[in-house]
């Protein structure tokens, strides 16, 4: 069994860039959050990304879960 890879320490800008590569677009900035959105024919996924220099692990995990993107995009490259 492969060990779980470690999530990278990412800033809001880095997370938004990964989300943009996955098809999300920035729709607005309100207060300290950047709203990223992915529209499909039958649904819309909106993810608030806190505009911080370093996102906490739990926050990053929630963003990954909501986005539906592969966790490997956010992990340490070895």
PDB file of N, CA and C in Angstrom:
ATOM      1  N   UNK A   1       0.849  -1.183   0.000  1.00  0.00           N
ATOM      2  CA  UNK A   1       0.000   0.000   0.000  1.00  0.00           C
ATOM      3  C   UNK A   1       0.892   1.243   0.000  1.00  0.00           C
ATOM      4  N   UNK A   2       0.556   2.203  -0.834  1.00  0.00           N
ATOM      5  CA  UNK A   2       1.334   3.425  -0.931  1.00  0.00           C
ATOM      6  C   UNK A   2       1.013   4.346   0.241  1.00  0.00           C
ATOM      7  N   UNK A   3       2.026   5.018   0.798  1.00  0.00           N
ATOM      8  CA  UNK A   3       1.756   5.968   1.884  1.00  0.00           C
ATOM      9  C   UNK A   3       1.060   7.208   1.334  1.00  0.00           C
ATOM     10  N   UNK A   4       0.271   7.840   2.183  1.00  0.00           N
ATOM     11  CA  UNK A   4      -0.379   9.089   1.782  1.00  0.00           C
ATOM     12  C   UNK A   4       0.676  10.161   1.587  1.00  0.00           C
ATOM     13  N   UNK A   5       0.607  10.850   0.469  1.00  0.00           N
ATOM     14  CA  UNK A   5       1.533  11.939   0.228  1.00  0.00           C
ATOM     15  C   UNK A   5       1.098  13.153   1.023  1.00  0.00           C
ATOM     16  N   UNK A   6       2.044  13.987   1.335  1.00  0.00           N
ATOM     17  CA  UNK A   6       1.799  15.157   2.167  1.00  0.00           C
ATOM     18  C   UNK A   6       1.317  16.315   1.306  1.00  0.00           C
ATOM     19  N   UNK A   7       0.305  17.012   1.801  1.00  0.00           N
ATOM     20  CA  UNK A   7      -0.179  18.201   1.108  1.00  0.00           C
ATOM     21  C   UNK A   7       0.863  19.304   1.217  1.00  0.00           C
ATOM     22  N   UNK A   8       1.025  20.057   0.143  1.00  0.00           N
ATOM     23  CA  UNK A   8       1.949  21.192   0.160  1.00  0.00           C
ATOM     24  C   UNK A   8       1.360  22.331   0.979  1.00  0.00           C
ATOM     25  N   UNK A   9       2.225  23.200   1.484  1.00  0.00           N
ATOM     26  CA  UNK A   9       1.772  24.439   2.117  1.00  0.00           C
ATOM     27  C   UNK A   9       1.533  25.411   0.973  1.00  0.00           C
ATOM     28  N   UNK A  10       0.298  25.802   0.774  1.00  0.00           N
ATOM     29  CA  UNK A  10      -0.068  26.631  -0.374  1.00  0.00           C
ATOM     30  C   UNK A  10      -0.697  27.946   0.071  1.00  0.00           C
ATOM     31  N   UNK A  11      -0.473  28.977  -0.736  1.00  0.00           N
ATOM     32  CA  UNK A  11      -1.139  30.256  -0.512  1.00  0.00           C
ATOM     33  C   UNK A  11      -2.451  30.257  -1.290  1.00  0.00           C
ATOM     34  N   UNK A  12      -3.271  31.243  -1.026  1.00  0.00           N
ATOM     35  CA  UNK A  12      -4.543  31.366  -1.747  1.00  0.00           C
ATOM     36  C   UNK A  12      -4.305  31.523  -3.246  1.00  0.00           C
ATOM     37  N   UNK A  13      -3.294  32.294  -3.634  1.00  0.00           N
ATOM     38  CA  UNK A  13      -3.007  32.499  -5.050  1.00  0.00           C
ATOM     39  C   UNK A  13      -2.629  31.190  -5.727  1.00  0.00           C
ATOM     40  N   UNK A  14      -1.830  30.369  -5.037  1.00  0.00           N
ATOM     41  CA  UNK A  14      -1.425  29.083  -5.613  1.00  0.00           C
ATOM     42  C   UNK A  14      -2.624  28.144  -5.758  1.00  0.00           C
ATOM     43  N   UNK A  15      -3.512  28.128  -4.768  1.00  0.00           N
ATOM     44  CA  UNK A  15      -4.709  27.289  -4.831  1.00  0.00           C
ATOM     45  C   UNK A  15      -5.612  27.755  -5.968  1.00  0.00           C
ATOM     46  N   UNK A  16      -5.779  29.068  -6.103  1.00  0.00           N
ATOM     47  CA  UNK A  16      -6.614  29.605  -7.182  1.00  0.00           C
ATOM     48  C   UNK A  16      -6.043  29.237  -8.549  1.00  0.00           C
ATOM     49  N   UNK A  17      -4.731  29.247  -8.668  1.00  0.00           N
ATOM     50  CA  UNK A  17      -4.095  28.880  -9.937  1.00  0.00           C
ATOM     51  C   UNK A  17      -4.382  27.411 -10.276  1.00  0.00           C
ATOM     52  N   UNK A  18      -4.290  26.528  -9.278  1.00  0.00           N
ATOM     53  CA  UNK A  18      -4.597  25.110  -9.492  1.00  0.00           C
ATOM     54  C   UNK A  18      -6.064  24.941  -9.879  1.00  0.00           C
ATOM     55  N   UNK A  19      -6.949  25.670  -9.188  1.00  0.00           N
ATOM     56  CA  UNK A  19      -8.379  25.598  -9.509  1.00  0.00           C
ATOM     57  C   UNK A  19      -8.655  26.104 -10.920  1.00  0.00           C
ATOM     58  N   UNK A  20      -7.976  27.187 -11.329  1.00  0.00           N
ATOM     59  CA  UNK A  20      -8.157  27.720 -12.673  1.00  0.00           C
ATOM     60  C   UNK A  20      -7.734  26.704 -13.725  1.00  0.00           C
ATOM     61  N   UNK A  21      -6.657  25.975 -13.465  1.00  0.00           N
ATOM     62  CA  UNK A  21      -6.221  24.930 -14.389  1.00  0.00           C
ATOM     63  C   UNK A  21      -7.249  23.805 -14.474  1.00  0.00           C
ATOM     64  N   UNK A  22      -8.068  23.659 -13.421  1.00  0.00           N
ATOM     65  CA  UNK A  22      -9.128  22.659 -13.398  1.00  0.00           C
ATOM     66  C   UNK A  22     -10.445  23.161 -13.950  1.00  0.00           C
ATOM     67  N   UNK A  23     -10.471  24.389 -14.477  1.00  0.00           N
ATOM     68  CA  UNK A  23     -11.673  24.914 -15.104  1.00  0.00           C
ATOM     69  C   UNK A  23     -12.437  25.950 -14.295  1.00  0.00           C
ATOM     70  N   UNK A  24     -12.011  26.219 -13.077  1.00  0.00           N
ATOM     71  CA  UNK A  24     -12.679  27.222 -12.247  1.00  0.00           C
ATOM     72  C   UNK A  24     -12.272  28.623 -12.696  1.00  0.00           C
ATOM     73  N   UNK A  25     -13.152  29.590 -12.446  1.00  0.00           N
ATOM     74  CA  UNK A  25     -12.835  30.994 -12.727  1.00  0.00           C
ATOM     75  C   UNK A  25     -13.125  31.816 -11.472  1.00  0.00           C
ATOM     76  N   UNK A  26     -12.356  32.887 -11.304  1.00  0.00           N
ATOM     77  CA  UNK A  26     -12.584  33.790 -10.182  1.00  0.00           C
ATOM     78  C   UNK A  26     -13.786  34.661 -10.518  1.00  0.00           C
ATOM     79  N   UNK A  27     -14.806  34.636  -9.655  1.00  0.00           N
ATOM     80  CA  UNK A  27     -16.006  35.419  -9.933  1.00  0.00           C
ATOM     81  C   UNK A  27     -16.077  36.696  -9.106  1.00  0.00           C
ATOM     82  N   UNK A  28     -15.470  36.687  -7.916  1.00  0.00           N
ATOM     83  CA  UNK A  28     -15.448  37.915  -7.120  1.00  0.00           C
ATOM     84  C   UNK A  28     -14.520  37.744  -5.925  1.00  0.00           C
ATOM     85  N   UNK A  29     -14.177  38.880  -5.337  1.00  0.00           N
ATOM     86  CA  UNK A  29     -13.427  38.903  -4.091  1.00  0.00           C
ATOM     87  C   UNK A  29     -14.271  39.706  -3.110  1.00  0.00           C
ATOM     88  N   UNK A  30     -14.547  39.103  -1.981  1.00  0.00           N
ATOM     89  CA  UNK A  30     -15.361  39.786  -0.982  1.00  0.00           C
ATOM     90  C   UNK A  30     -14.697  39.620   0.364  1.00  0.00           C
ATOM     91  N   UNK A  31     -14.284  40.720   0.947  1.00  0.00           N
ATOM     92  CA  UNK A  31     -13.577  40.652   2.218  1.00  0.00           C
ATOM     93  C   UNK A  31     -12.268  39.913   2.042  1.00  0.00           C
ATOM     94  N   UNK A  32     -12.062  38.875   2.831  1.00  0.00           N
ATOM     95  CA  UNK A  32     -10.816  38.130   2.767  1.00  0.00           C
ATOM     96  C   UNK A  32     -10.961  36.815   2.006  1.00  0.00           C
ATOM     97  N   UNK A  33     -12.011  36.679   1.181  1.00  0.00           N
ATOM     98  CA  UNK A  33     -12.224  35.443   0.445  1.00  0.00           C
ATOM     99  C   UNK A  33     -12.312  35.681  -1.067  1.00  0.00           C
ATOM    100  N   UNK A  34     -11.722  34.766  -1.802  1.00  0.00           N
ATOM    101  CA  UNK A  34     -11.797  34.765  -3.264  1.00  0.00           C
ATOM    102  C   UNK A  34     -12.799  33.679  -3.633  1.00  0.00           C
ATOM    103  N   UNK A  35     -13.803  34.022  -4.411  1.00  0.00           N
ATOM    104  CA  UNK A  35     -14.814  33.053  -4.818  1.00  0.00           C
ATOM    105  C   UNK A  35     -14.448  32.484  -6.187  1.00  0.00           C
ATOM    106  N   UNK A  36     -14.238  31.171  -6.221  1.00  0.00           N
ATOM    107  CA  UNK A  36     -13.908  30.476  -7.458  1.00  0.00           C
ATOM    108  C   UNK A  36     -15.127  29.651  -7.858  1.00  0.00           C
ATOM    109  N   UNK A  37     -15.428  29.630  -9.171  1.00  0.00           N
ATOM    110  CA  UNK A  37     -16.655  28.980  -9.609  1.00  0.00           C
ATOM    111  C   UNK A  37     -16.419  28.142 -10.857  1.00  0.00           C
ATOM    112  N   UNK A  38     -17.085  26.981 -10.897  1.00  0.00           N
ATOM    113  CA  UNK A  38     -17.066  26.103 -12.059  1.00  0.00           C
ATOM    114  C   UNK A  38     -18.506  25.867 -12.478  1.00  0.00           C
ATOM    115  N   UNK A  39     -18.827  26.264 -13.700  1.00  0.00           N
ATOM    116  CA  UNK A  39     -20.187  26.081 -14.209  1.00  0.00           C
ATOM    117  C   UNK A  39     -20.209  24.947 -15.220  1.00  0.00           C
ATOM    118  N   UNK A  40     -21.183  24.067 -15.071  1.00  0.00           N
ATOM    119  CA  UNK A  40     -21.424  23.017 -16.050  1.00  0.00           C
ATOM    120  C   UNK A  40     -22.861  23.173 -16.536  1.00  0.00           C
ATOM    121  N   UNK A  41     -23.278  22.309 -17.438  1.00  0.00           N
ATOM    122  CA  UNK A  41     -24.634  22.417 -17.983  1.00  0.00           C
ATOM    123  C   UNK A  41     -25.715  22.258 -16.914  1.00  0.00           C
ATOM    124  N   UNK A  42     -25.452  21.397 -15.931  1.00  0.00           N
ATOM    125  CA  UNK A  42     -26.497  21.110 -14.963  1.00  0.00           C
ATOM    126  C   UNK A  42     -26.204  21.566 -13.529  1.00  0.00           C
ATOM    127  N   UNK A  43     -25.021  22.150 -13.278  1.00  0.00           N
ATOM    128  CA  UNK A  43     -24.728  22.586 -11.915  1.00  0.00           C
ATOM    129  C   UNK A  43     -23.653  23.666 -11.890  1.00  0.00           C
ATOM    130  N   UNK A  44     -23.513  24.265 -10.734  1.00  0.00           N
ATOM    131  CA  UNK A  44     -22.475  25.262 -10.489  1.00  0.00           C
ATOM    132  C   UNK A  44     -21.829  24.942  -9.148  1.00  0.00           C
ATOM    133  N   UNK A  45     -20.486  24.921  -9.137  1.00  0.00           N
ATOM    134  CA  UNK A  45     -19.745  24.683  -7.902  1.00  0.00           C
ATOM    135  C   UNK A  45     -19.011  25.971  -7.558  1.00  0.00           C
ATOM    136  N   UNK A  46     -19.293  26.522  -6.376  1.00  0.00           N
ATOM    137  CA  UNK A  46     -18.629  27.731  -5.918  1.00  0.00           C
ATOM    138  C   UNK A  46     -17.810  27.396  -4.677  1.00  0.00           C
ATOM    139  N   UNK A  47     -16.538  27.787  -4.707  1.00  0.00           N
ATOM    140  CA  UNK A  47     -15.636  27.493  -3.595  1.00  0.00           C
ATOM    141  C   UNK A  47     -15.038  28.791  -3.071  1.00  0.00           C
ATOM    142  N   UNK A  48     -15.258  29.097  -1.785  1.00  0.00           N
ATOM    143  CA  UNK A  48     -14.587  30.259  -1.189  1.00  0.00           C
ATOM    144  C   UNK A  48     -13.164  29.880  -0.785  1.00  0.00           C
ATOM    145  N   UNK A  49     -12.198  30.673  -1.206  1.00  0.00           N
ATOM    146  CA  UNK A  49     -10.797  30.434  -0.854  1.00  0.00           C
ATOM    147  C   UNK A  49     -10.335  31.605   0.008  1.00  0.00           C
ATOM    148  N   UNK A  50      -9.979  31.347   1.272  1.00  0.00           N
ATOM    149  CA  UNK A  50      -9.490  32.434   2.123  1.00  0.00           C
ATOM    150  C   UNK A  50      -8.207  33.023   1.542  1.00  0.00           C
ATOM    151  N   UNK A  51      -8.142  34.336   1.458  1.00  0.00           N
ATOM    152  CA  UNK A  51      -6.986  35.001   0.845  1.00  0.00           C
ATOM    153  C   UNK A  51      -5.866  35.153   1.872  1.00  0.00           C
ATOM    154  N   UNK A  52      -5.225  34.021   2.183  1.00  0.00           N
ATOM    155  CA  UNK A  52      -4.140  33.986   3.160  1.00  0.00           C
ATOM    156  C   UNK A  52      -2.845  33.549   2.498  1.00  0.00           C
ATOM    157  N   UNK A  53      -1.722  33.853   3.151  1.00  0.00           N
ATOM    158  CA  UNK A  53      -0.414  33.440   2.631  1.00  0.00           C
ATOM    159  C   UNK A  53      -0.224  31.938   2.763  1.00  0.00           C
ATOM    160  N   UNK A  54      -0.778  31.343   3.818  1.00  0.00           N
ATOM    161  CA  UNK A  54      -0.712  29.899   4.027  1.00  0.00           C
ATOM    162  C   UNK A  54      -2.076  29.401   4.463  1.00  0.00           C
ATOM    163  N   UNK A  55      -2.625  28.441   3.714  1.00  0.00           N
ATOM    164  CA  UNK A  55      -3.911  27.858   4.083  1.00  0.00           C
ATOM    165  C   UNK A  55      -3.679  26.697   5.043  1.00  0.00           C
ATOM    166  N   UNK A  56      -4.553  26.542   6.013  1.00  0.00           N
ATOM    167  CA  UNK A  56      -4.464  25.428   6.946  1.00  0.00           C
ATOM    168  C   UNK A  56      -4.817  24.131   6.222  1.00  0.00           C
ATOM    169  N   UNK A  57      -4.322  23.026   6.754  1.00  0.00           N
ATOM    170  CA  UNK A  57      -4.519  21.723   6.124  1.00  0.00           C
ATOM    171  C   UNK A  57      -6.002  21.389   5.987  1.00  0.00           C
ATOM    172  N   UNK A  58      -6.773  21.613   7.042  1.00  0.00           N
ATOM    173  CA  UNK A  58      -8.207  21.309   6.993  1.00  0.00           C
ATOM    174  C   UNK A  58      -8.938  22.138   5.951  1.00  0.00           C
ATOM    175  N   UNK A  59      -8.562  23.399   5.816  1.00  0.00           N
ATOM    176  CA  UNK A  59      -9.164  24.274   4.811  1.00  0.00           C
ATOM    177  C   UNK A  59      -8.821  23.771   3.421  1.00  0.00           C
ATOM    178  N   UNK A  60      -7.569  23.397   3.210  1.00  0.00           N
ATOM    179  CA  UNK A  60      -7.135  22.883   1.916  1.00  0.00           C
ATOM    180  C   UNK A  60      -7.848  21.577   1.582  1.00  0.00           C
ATOM    181  N   UNK A  61      -8.012  20.700   2.561  1.00  0.00           N
ATOM    182  CA  UNK A  61      -8.724  19.443   2.335  1.00  0.00           C
ATOM    183  C   UNK A  61     -10.179  19.698   1.932  1.00  0.00           C
ATOM    184  N   UNK A  62     -10.814  20.676   2.556  1.00  0.00           N
ATOM    185  CA  UNK A  62     -12.198  21.012   2.210  1.00  0.00           C
ATOM    186  C   UNK A  62     -12.288  21.552   0.788  1.00  0.00           C
ATOM    187  N   UNK A  63     -11.320  22.375   0.389  1.00  0.00           N
ATOM    188  CA  UNK A  63     -11.300  22.913  -0.972  1.00  0.00           C
ATOM    189  C   UNK A  63     -11.127  21.781  -1.982  1.00  0.00           C
ATOM    190  N   UNK A  64     -10.222  20.843  -1.686  1.00  0.00           N
ATOM    191  CA  UNK A  64     -10.005  19.701  -2.582  1.00  0.00           C
ATOM    192  C   UNK A  64     -11.286  18.878  -2.707  1.00  0.00           C
ATOM    193  N   UNK A  65     -11.940  18.596  -1.593  1.00  0.00           N
ATOM    194  CA  UNK A  65     -13.167  17.801  -1.586  1.00  0.00           C
ATOM    195  C   UNK A  65     -14.275  18.493  -2.393  1.00  0.00           C
ATOM    196  N   UNK A  66     -14.446  19.798  -2.195  1.00  0.00           N
ATOM    197  CA  UNK A  66     -15.496  20.534  -2.893  1.00  0.00           C
ATOM    198  C   UNK A  66     -15.222  20.642  -4.387  1.00  0.00           C
ATOM    199  N   UNK A  67     -13.947  20.782  -4.753  1.00  0.00           N
ATOM    200  CA  UNK A  67     -13.606  20.996  -6.155  1.00  0.00           C
ATOM    201  C   UNK A  67     -13.759  19.743  -7.002  1.00  0.00           C
ATOM    202  N   UNK A  68     -13.547  18.579  -6.383  1.00  0.00           N
ATOM    203  CA  UNK A  68     -13.592  17.344  -7.138  1.00  0.00           C
ATOM    204  C   UNK A  68     -12.316  17.092  -7.936  1.00  0.00           C
ATOM    205  N   UNK A  69     -11.302  17.947  -7.761  1.00  0.00           N
ATOM    206  CA  UNK A  69     -10.033  17.768  -8.458  1.00  0.00           C
ATOM    207  C   UNK A  69      -9.198  16.719  -7.726  1.00  0.00           C
ATOM    208  N   UNK A  70      -8.261  16.070  -8.439  1.00  0.00           N
ATOM    209  CA  UNK A  70      -7.425  15.061  -7.785  1.00  0.00           C
ATOM    210  C   UNK A  70      -6.543  15.671  -6.693  1.00  0.00           C
ATOM    211  N   UNK A  71      -6.449  14.967  -5.593  1.00  0.00           N
ATOM    212  CA  UNK A  71      -5.634  15.421  -4.465  1.00  0.00           C
ATOM    213  C   UNK A  71      -4.163  15.564  -4.877  1.00  0.00           C
ATOM    214  N   UNK A  72      -3.727  14.776  -5.851  1.00  0.00           N
ATOM    215  CA  UNK A  72      -2.323  14.782  -6.284  1.00  0.00           C
ATOM    216  C   UNK A  72      -1.875  16.160  -6.771  1.00  0.00           C
ATOM    217  N   UNK A  73      -2.798  16.998  -7.236  1.00  0.00           N
ATOM    218  CA  UNK A  73      -2.449  18.343  -7.694  1.00  0.00           C
ATOM    219  C   UNK A  73      -1.968  19.227  -6.543  1.00  0.00           C
ATOM    220  N   UNK A  74      -2.353  18.872  -5.334  1.00  0.00           N
ATOM    221  CA  UNK A  74      -2.048  19.686  -4.162  1.00  0.00           C
ATOM    222  C   UNK A  74      -0.961  19.076  -3.273  1.00  0.00           C
ATOM    223  N   UNK A  75      -0.403  17.927  -3.698  1.00  0.00           N
ATOM    224  CA  UNK A  75       0.563  17.209  -2.877  1.00  0.00           C
ATOM    225  C   UNK A  75       1.996  17.569  -3.225  1.00  0.00           C
ATOM    226  N   UNK A  76       2.908  17.228  -2.322  1.00  0.00           N
ATOM    227  CA  UNK A  76       4.326  17.466  -2.507  1.00  0.00           C
ATOM    228  C   UNK A  76       4.836  16.583  -3.640  1.00  0.00           C
ATOM    229  N   UNK A  77       5.567  17.171  -4.580  1.00  0.00           N
ATOM    230  CA  UNK A  77       6.185  16.400  -5.661  1.00  0.00           C
ATOM    231  C   UNK A  77       7.515  15.865  -5.176  1.00  0.00           C
ATOM    232  N   UNK A  78       7.683  14.547  -5.255  1.00  0.00           N
ATOM    233  CA  UNK A  78       8.970  13.966  -4.837  1.00  0.00           C
ATOM    234  C   UNK A  78       9.634  13.260  -5.984  1.00  0.00           C
TER     235      UNK A  78
END
